[in-house]
């Protein structure tokens, strides 16, 4: 059997996790679990479709309008085990900020069906540039759009996805980051968790797979997220950056040649019942709580057509169907709410 590209990075961790889950209490005995589902969208309205470069603002606003028109109706059609509606987290790129791009996302957030967190692309501009861009953007989102939130210390906190998957200078050629101490910088800037992983066949993929854990930074070396301290039901752990990855594994069904499952919702890979079952089997878990973080690039027309014209409806129907079949509770969450659920599952006390 031929494994996907760069499997030497993640497959050992995947195999260990499957063995750990298989022998853990409650895994095979039919005990009900609580399933938390969050969608993290790398939402880039100025994404370039083809060789013509970045689109104009009118095209980008059209992409946003599509979501603000169709997502509320989709969300209203579905409920989880607690009567809550699906929620959608837009990770918005700092470099694409326009006030009128954020306004429709903030309106959906106020309606309780969305949230906004931070996404960024950078390429070796240096530490101070990164700090200034991140600090300015979180202040703008909080002060001008009533987004993000403050912790008990009064600091603005945010969830994070790194552009081009290059968290902590993890690409072999050093492109799209340049900061070996990025994890420390994110901690100091107020990042409550990173949602970049999995990056799948990319060389940036973490060696720790299907577990929620704390990365501890070595500021002199890249990819400090390759190792870390697992969050467990009896230990919320500590470190520099909480890593909340999505499911990563092998898909054995649906076609003759096995392929990678990384929790992506895309036009070329829409949700199916088989995929939902794989997510529930391999996703990170803490005790009786399963955390399914999915991702997409929903501003791209090919993906938005699939998602908004039946793909998301299908996703929520299949999740409800499979959770009911397994006797699990289904809970929809923003990424922030998923982090709060992780704290509770780990017995976190402040």
Protein backbone atom coordinates (compact mmCIF):
# COMPACT_ATOMS: atom_id res chain seq x y z
CA UNK A 1 0.00 0.00 0.00
CA UNK A 2 1.30 3.43 -0.94
CA UNK A 3 0.74 6.05 1.77
CA UNK A 4 0.09 9.73 0.98
CA UNK A 5 3.01 12.11 0.54
CA UNK A 6 4.94 13.03 3.73
CA UNK A 7 3.23 10.21 5.66
CA UNK A 8 6.51 9.62 7.51
CA UNK A 9 5.71 12.79 9.48
CA UNK A 10 2.22 11.97 10.69
CA UNK A 11 1.55 8.25 10.23
CA UNK A 12 3.40 7.06 13.38
CA UNK A 13 1.36 9.46 15.52
CA UNK A 14 -1.82 8.42 13.74
CA UNK A 15 -1.13 4.72 14.39
CA UNK A 16 -0.38 5.36 18.08
CA UNK A 17 -3.59 7.32 18.44
CA UNK A 18 -5.68 4.59 16.86
CA UNK A 19 -4.24 2.04 19.27
CA UNK A 20 -4.76 4.37 22.22
CA UNK A 21 -8.40 4.99 21.32
CA UNK A 22 -9.05 1.31 20.67
CA UNK A 23 -8.00 0.29 24.16
CA UNK A 24 -9.34 3.32 26.02
CA UNK A 25 -12.34 2.95 28.30
CA UNK A 26 -15.63 3.58 26.54
CA UNK A 27 -14.23 3.46 23.02
CA UNK A 28 -15.82 0.18 21.93
CA UNK A 29 -18.48 -0.38 24.58
CA UNK A 30 -21.15 1.87 23.10
CA UNK A 31 -20.88 4.50 25.83
CA UNK A 32 -22.45 7.77 24.64
CA UNK A 33 -20.10 10.66 23.93
CA UNK A 34 -20.61 14.37 23.44
CA UNK A 35 -19.50 15.43 19.95
CA UNK A 36 -18.42 19.05 19.44
CA UNK A 37 -18.36 20.25 15.83
CA UNK A 38 -16.75 23.50 14.69
CA UNK A 39 -16.06 24.73 11.15
CA UNK A 40 -12.95 26.87 10.74
CA UNK A 41 -13.05 28.69 7.41
CA UNK A 42 -9.81 30.11 5.98
CA UNK A 43 -12.01 32.87 4.60
CA UNK A 44 -10.20 34.90 1.93
CA UNK A 45 -12.58 37.14 -0.09
CA UNK A 46 -9.64 38.47 -2.15
CA UNK A 47 -8.49 35.00 -3.10
CA UNK A 48 -7.15 34.98 -6.66
CA UNK A 49 -8.98 32.56 -8.94
CA UNK A 50 -6.62 32.00 -11.84
CA UNK A 51 -3.65 33.92 -13.28
CA UNK A 52 -5.25 37.38 -13.34
CA UNK A 53 -4.26 38.32 -9.80
CA UNK A 54 -6.37 39.55 -6.91
CA UNK A 55 -10.01 40.36 -7.67
CA UNK A 56 -11.42 43.81 -7.12
CA UNK A 57 -13.36 44.76 -4.01
CA UNK A 58 -16.68 44.37 -5.81
CA UNK A 59 -15.96 40.70 -6.49
CA UNK A 60 -14.90 40.18 -2.90
CA UNK A 61 -18.06 41.87 -1.61
CA UNK A 62 -20.09 39.56 -3.80
CA UNK A 63 -18.44 36.57 -2.18
CA UNK A 64 -19.31 37.95 1.24
CA UNK A 65 -22.88 38.74 0.23
CA UNK A 66 -23.41 35.15 -0.81
CA UNK A 67 -22.58 33.99 2.70
CA UNK A 68 -24.57 36.67 4.51
CA UNK A 69 -27.61 35.87 2.33
CA UNK A 70 -27.52 32.06 2.45
CA UNK A 71 -25.81 30.99 5.66
CA UNK A 72 -28.49 32.26 8.10
CA UNK A 73 -31.20 30.25 6.33
CA UNK A 74 -29.05 27.11 6.38
CA UNK A 75 -28.23 27.52 10.07
CA UNK A 76 -31.91 27.96 10.99
CA UNK A 77 -32.79 24.60 9.44
CA UNK A 78 -30.67 22.50 11.80
CA UNK A 79 -30.39 22.00 15.55
CA UNK A 80 -28.12 19.97 17.79
CA UNK A 81 -28.94 17.89 20.85
CA UNK A 82 -29.22 21.01 23.01
CA UNK A 83 -31.45 22.87 20.54
CA UNK A 84 -28.62 25.05 19.26
CA UNK A 85 -28.09 25.99 15.63
CA UNK A 86 -24.88 25.39 13.66
CA UNK A 87 -22.25 28.09 13.94
CA UNK A 88 -19.55 29.08 11.49
CA UNK A 89 -16.17 30.59 12.34
CA UNK A 90 -14.62 32.89 9.74
CA UNK A 91 -10.83 33.14 10.13
CA UNK A 92 -10.32 36.42 8.33
CA UNK A 93 -6.90 37.36 6.85
CA UNK A 94 -5.40 40.50 8.31
CA UNK A 95 -3.94 41.57 4.98
CA UNK A 96 -7.40 41.59 3.34
CA UNK A 97 -9.08 43.78 5.95
CA UNK A 98 -11.64 46.30 4.80
CA UNK A 99 -14.30 47.53 7.25
CA UNK A 100 -17.06 46.65 4.78
CA UNK A 101 -15.73 43.09 4.48
CA UNK A 102 -16.09 42.54 8.21
CA UNK A 103 -19.51 44.16 8.70
CA UNK A 104 -21.63 41.27 7.31
CA UNK A 105 -19.59 38.74 9.32
CA UNK A 106 -20.11 40.79 12.48
CA UNK A 107 -23.86 40.89 11.81
CA UNK A 108 -24.03 37.10 11.61
CA UNK A 109 -21.94 36.91 14.79
CA UNK A 110 -24.45 39.10 16.61
CA UNK A 111 -27.17 36.73 15.38
CA UNK A 112 -25.41 33.86 17.18
CA UNK A 113 -24.62 31.79 14.07
CA UNK A 114 -21.03 32.89 13.35
CA UNK A 115 -17.81 34.18 14.82
CA UNK A 116 -14.65 35.85 13.51
CA UNK A 117 -11.06 34.95 14.38
CA UNK A 118 -7.65 35.77 12.88
CA UNK A 119 -5.87 34.38 9.83
CA UNK A 120 -2.64 35.87 8.44
CA UNK A 121 -0.19 35.41 5.59
CA UNK A 122 3.33 36.74 6.03
CA UNK A 123 6.67 35.95 4.43
CA UNK A 124 9.79 36.94 6.31
CA UNK A 125 8.91 40.56 7.06
CA UNK A 126 10.30 40.15 10.57
CA UNK A 127 9.15 39.97 14.17
CA UNK A 128 8.16 43.60 14.67
CA UNK A 129 6.08 43.63 11.51
CA UNK A 130 4.24 40.51 12.67
CA UNK A 131 3.58 41.96 16.13
CA UNK A 132 2.30 45.24 14.73
CA UNK A 133 0.02 43.59 12.18
CA UNK A 134 -1.45 41.14 14.68
CA UNK A 135 -1.84 43.71 17.47
CA UNK A 136 -3.46 46.26 15.19
CA UNK A 137 -5.86 43.75 13.68
CA UNK A 138 -7.11 42.33 16.97
CA UNK A 139 -7.65 45.87 18.29
CA UNK A 140 -9.56 46.80 15.15
CA UNK A 141 -11.80 43.73 15.31
CA UNK A 142 -12.52 44.30 18.99
CA UNK A 143 -12.89 48.07 19.09
CA UNK A 144 -14.50 48.79 15.71
CA UNK A 145 -16.55 45.64 15.08
CA UNK A 146 -17.29 44.31 18.58
CA UNK A 147 -15.62 41.00 17.72
CA UNK A 148 -13.18 38.76 19.61
CA UNK A 149 -13.30 38.95 23.40
CA UNK A 150 -11.24 39.72 26.50
CA UNK A 151 -9.98 37.27 29.09
CA UNK A 152 -10.14 37.76 32.84
CA UNK A 153 -6.96 39.83 32.71
CA UNK A 154 -8.61 42.26 30.32
CA UNK A 155 -6.49 41.17 27.33
CA UNK A 156 -8.02 40.65 23.88
CA UNK A 157 -7.76 36.97 22.90
CA UNK A 158 -8.15 35.29 19.54
CA UNK A 159 -8.03 31.98 17.71
CA UNK A 160 -5.46 31.65 14.94
CA UNK A 161 -4.83 29.94 11.61
CA UNK A 162 -1.51 30.46 9.84
CA UNK A 163 -1.52 31.17 6.12
CA UNK A 164 0.07 28.55 3.85
CA UNK A 165 0.14 26.17 6.87
CA UNK A 166 3.61 27.58 7.73
CA UNK A 167 3.12 27.93 11.51
CA UNK A 168 6.36 28.50 13.42
CA UNK A 169 8.51 28.71 10.28
CA UNK A 170 7.72 25.11 9.40
CA UNK A 171 8.22 25.01 5.62
CA UNK A 172 11.59 23.49 4.67
CA UNK A 173 12.57 26.55 2.59
CA UNK A 174 11.57 29.01 5.33
CA UNK A 175 8.94 30.73 3.18
CA UNK A 176 5.65 32.18 4.40
CA UNK A 177 6.80 32.77 7.97
CA UNK A 178 10.43 33.37 8.97
CA UNK A 179 9.84 33.37 12.73
CA UNK A 180 11.22 30.47 14.77
CA UNK A 181 9.70 32.05 17.89
CA UNK A 182 6.22 32.51 16.42
CA UNK A 183 4.59 30.33 19.06
CA UNK A 184 5.97 32.56 21.81
CA UNK A 185 4.81 35.65 19.94
CA UNK A 186 1.30 34.24 19.53
CA UNK A 187 1.15 33.41 23.23
CA UNK A 188 2.16 36.95 24.17
CA UNK A 189 -0.28 38.47 21.69
CA UNK A 190 -3.23 36.64 23.29
CA UNK A 191 -3.79 33.57 21.09
CA UNK A 192 -6.10 31.20 23.01
CA UNK A 193 -5.55 28.31 20.55
CA UNK A 194 -4.17 27.47 17.13
CA UNK A 195 -6.43 25.75 14.56
CA UNK A 196 -3.97 25.45 11.65
CA UNK A 197 -3.56 21.68 11.75
CA UNK A 198 -3.95 19.35 10.02
CA UNK A 199 -2.08 20.43 6.92
CA UNK A 200 -2.20 16.90 5.52
CA UNK A 201 0.37 16.07 2.86
CA UNK A 202 2.21 19.37 3.40
CA UNK A 203 5.66 19.11 5.03
CA UNK A 204 4.31 21.49 7.68
CA UNK A 205 2.08 18.75 9.15
CA UNK A 206 2.58 18.20 12.89
CA UNK A 207 3.91 14.88 14.19
CA UNK A 208 1.32 14.93 16.95
CA UNK A 209 -1.95 13.80 15.37
CA UNK A 210 -5.57 13.65 16.58
CA UNK A 211 -4.78 14.94 20.06
CA UNK A 212 -5.29 18.30 21.71
CA UNK A 213 -2.05 19.42 23.27
CA UNK A 214 0.11 22.30 24.43
CA UNK A 215 3.11 23.17 22.29
CA UNK A 216 6.17 24.48 24.15
CA UNK A 217 8.27 26.84 22.08
CA UNK A 218 11.96 26.52 21.37
CA UNK A 219 12.49 30.04 20.03
CA UNK A 220 15.69 29.04 18.26
CA UNK A 221 14.15 26.24 16.21
CA UNK A 222 11.18 25.92 13.82
CA UNK A 223 8.16 23.60 14.21
CA UNK A 224 8.02 23.55 18.00
CA UNK A 225 4.46 22.24 17.68
CA UNK A 226 5.82 18.83 16.61
CA UNK A 227 5.81 17.75 20.26
CA UNK A 228 3.77 18.80 23.25
CA UNK A 229 1.81 17.99 26.38
CA UNK A 230 -1.51 16.22 25.83
CA UNK A 231 -4.68 17.55 27.40
CA UNK A 232 -6.40 14.74 29.34
CA UNK A 233 -9.54 14.41 31.51
CA UNK A 234 -7.43 14.90 34.62
CA UNK A 235 -4.89 17.41 33.36
CA UNK A 236 -5.65 20.55 31.35
CA UNK A 237 -1.92 20.90 30.82
CA UNK A 238 0.10 24.03 30.17
CA UNK A 239 2.50 25.40 27.62
CA UNK A 240 2.89 28.24 25.16
CA UNK A 241 0.17 27.49 22.60
CA UNK A 242 -2.87 25.21 22.74
CA UNK A 243 -3.12 23.15 19.54
CA UNK A 244 -6.64 22.09 18.49
CA UNK A 245 -6.26 20.06 15.29
CA UNK A 246 -8.90 18.48 13.12
CA UNK A 247 -9.15 14.78 12.29
CA UNK A 248 -6.35 13.24 10.21
CA UNK A 249 -6.14 9.68 8.98
CA UNK A 250 -6.60 7.19 6.18
CA UNK A 251 -9.82 6.65 4.26
CA UNK A 252 -10.08 2.99 3.37
CA UNK A 253 -13.53 3.10 1.77
CA UNK A 254 -15.25 4.82 -1.16
CA UNK A 255 -12.58 3.85 -3.71
CA UNK A 256 -9.96 1.16 -4.30
CA UNK A 257 -6.91 3.27 -3.45
CA UNK A 258 -6.79 4.55 0.17
CA UNK A 259 -6.47 8.30 0.56
CA UNK A 260 -5.99 10.90 3.25
CA UNK A 261 -8.77 12.24 5.43
CA UNK A 262 -8.03 15.68 6.88
CA UNK A 263 -11.44 17.14 7.66
CA UNK A 264 -11.56 19.48 4.66
CA UNK A 265 -14.89 20.52 3.16
CA UNK A 266 -14.23 21.20 -0.51
CA UNK A 267 -15.89 20.97 -3.89
CA UNK A 268 -13.65 18.05 -4.75
CA UNK A 269 -14.39 16.35 -1.41
CA UNK A 270 -17.92 17.03 -0.11
CA UNK A 271 -19.27 15.49 3.10
CA UNK A 272 -20.38 11.86 3.00
CA UNK A 273 -21.61 9.45 5.65
CA UNK A 274 -18.37 7.51 5.41
CA UNK A 275 -16.35 10.67 6.06
CA UNK A 276 -18.52 11.60 9.05
CA UNK A 277 -17.87 8.16 10.52
CA UNK A 278 -14.12 8.57 10.01
CA UNK A 279 -14.18 11.95 11.74
CA UNK A 280 -15.93 10.52 14.76
CA UNK A 281 -13.51 7.60 14.90
CA UNK A 282 -10.23 9.54 14.67
CA UNK A 283 -10.93 13.08 15.93
CA UNK A 284 -9.29 14.29 19.15
CA UNK A 285 -11.08 13.25 22.31
CA UNK A 286 -10.84 14.08 25.99
CA UNK A 287 -12.68 11.51 28.07
CA UNK A 288 -16.22 11.28 26.69
CA UNK A 289 -15.93 14.43 24.57
CA UNK A 290 -15.01 14.24 20.87
CA UNK A 291 -13.81 17.41 19.14
CA UNK A 292 -14.36 17.57 15.37
CA UNK A 293 -12.75 20.66 13.88
CA UNK A 294 -13.41 20.84 10.14
CA UNK A 295 -11.97 23.40 7.72
CA UNK A 296 -12.63 24.89 4.33
CA UNK A 297 -11.84 27.83 2.05
CA UNK A 298 -15.39 29.05 1.73
CA UNK A 299 -14.81 32.28 -0.18
CA UNK A 300 -13.64 30.33 -3.22
CA UNK A 301 -16.54 30.02 -5.66
CA UNK A 302 -16.02 26.32 -6.30
CA UNK A 303 -16.31 25.64 -2.56
CA UNK A 304 -19.06 28.13 -1.77
CA UNK A 305 -21.22 26.62 -4.51
CA UNK A 306 -20.91 23.20 -2.90
CA UNK A 307 -21.29 24.39 0.68
CA UNK A 308 -24.19 26.82 0.20
CA UNK A 309 -26.11 24.76 -2.35
CA UNK A 310 -26.59 21.61 -0.33
CA UNK A 311 -23.17 20.66 1.05
CA UNK A 312 -23.64 22.17 4.50
CA UNK A 313 -27.22 20.92 4.72
CA UNK A 314 -25.92 17.45 3.92
CA UNK A 315 -23.13 17.80 6.49
CA UNK A 316 -25.49 18.66 9.33
CA UNK A 317 -28.00 15.95 8.38
CA UNK A 318 -25.28 13.30 8.29
CA UNK A 319 -23.76 14.44 11.59
CA UNK A 320 -27.17 14.29 13.29
CA UNK A 321 -27.90 10.89 11.74
CA UNK A 322 -24.62 9.28 12.77
CA UNK A 323 -24.59 10.78 16.27
CA UNK A 324 -28.13 9.51 16.83
CA UNK A 325 -27.10 6.08 15.55
CA UNK A 326 -24.19 5.96 18.00
CA UNK A 327 -26.17 7.43 20.88
CA UNK A 328 -23.95 10.52 21.04
CA UNK A 329 -24.95 14.09 21.88
CA UNK A 330 -24.24 16.54 19.06
CA UNK A 331 -23.15 20.08 19.88
CA UNK A 332 -22.39 22.81 17.36
CA UNK A 333 -19.77 25.35 18.41
CA UNK A 334 -17.62 28.23 17.32
CA UNK A 335 -13.91 27.59 17.74
CA UNK A 336 -14.00 29.73 20.90
CA UNK A 337 -16.82 27.62 22.31
CA UNK A 338 -14.90 24.48 21.40
CA UNK A 339 -11.98 25.75 23.44
CA UNK A 340 -14.28 26.34 26.43
CA UNK A 341 -15.62 22.79 26.06
CA UNK A 342 -12.05 21.48 26.03
CA UNK A 343 -11.35 23.31 29.29
CA UNK A 344 -14.41 21.74 30.89
CA UNK A 345 -13.56 18.26 29.61
CA UNK A 346 -10.10 18.59 31.11
CA UNK A 347 -11.41 19.74 34.48
CA UNK A 348 -9.82 23.14 34.01
CA UNK A 349 -10.14 25.48 36.95
CA UNK A 350 -8.99 29.10 37.05
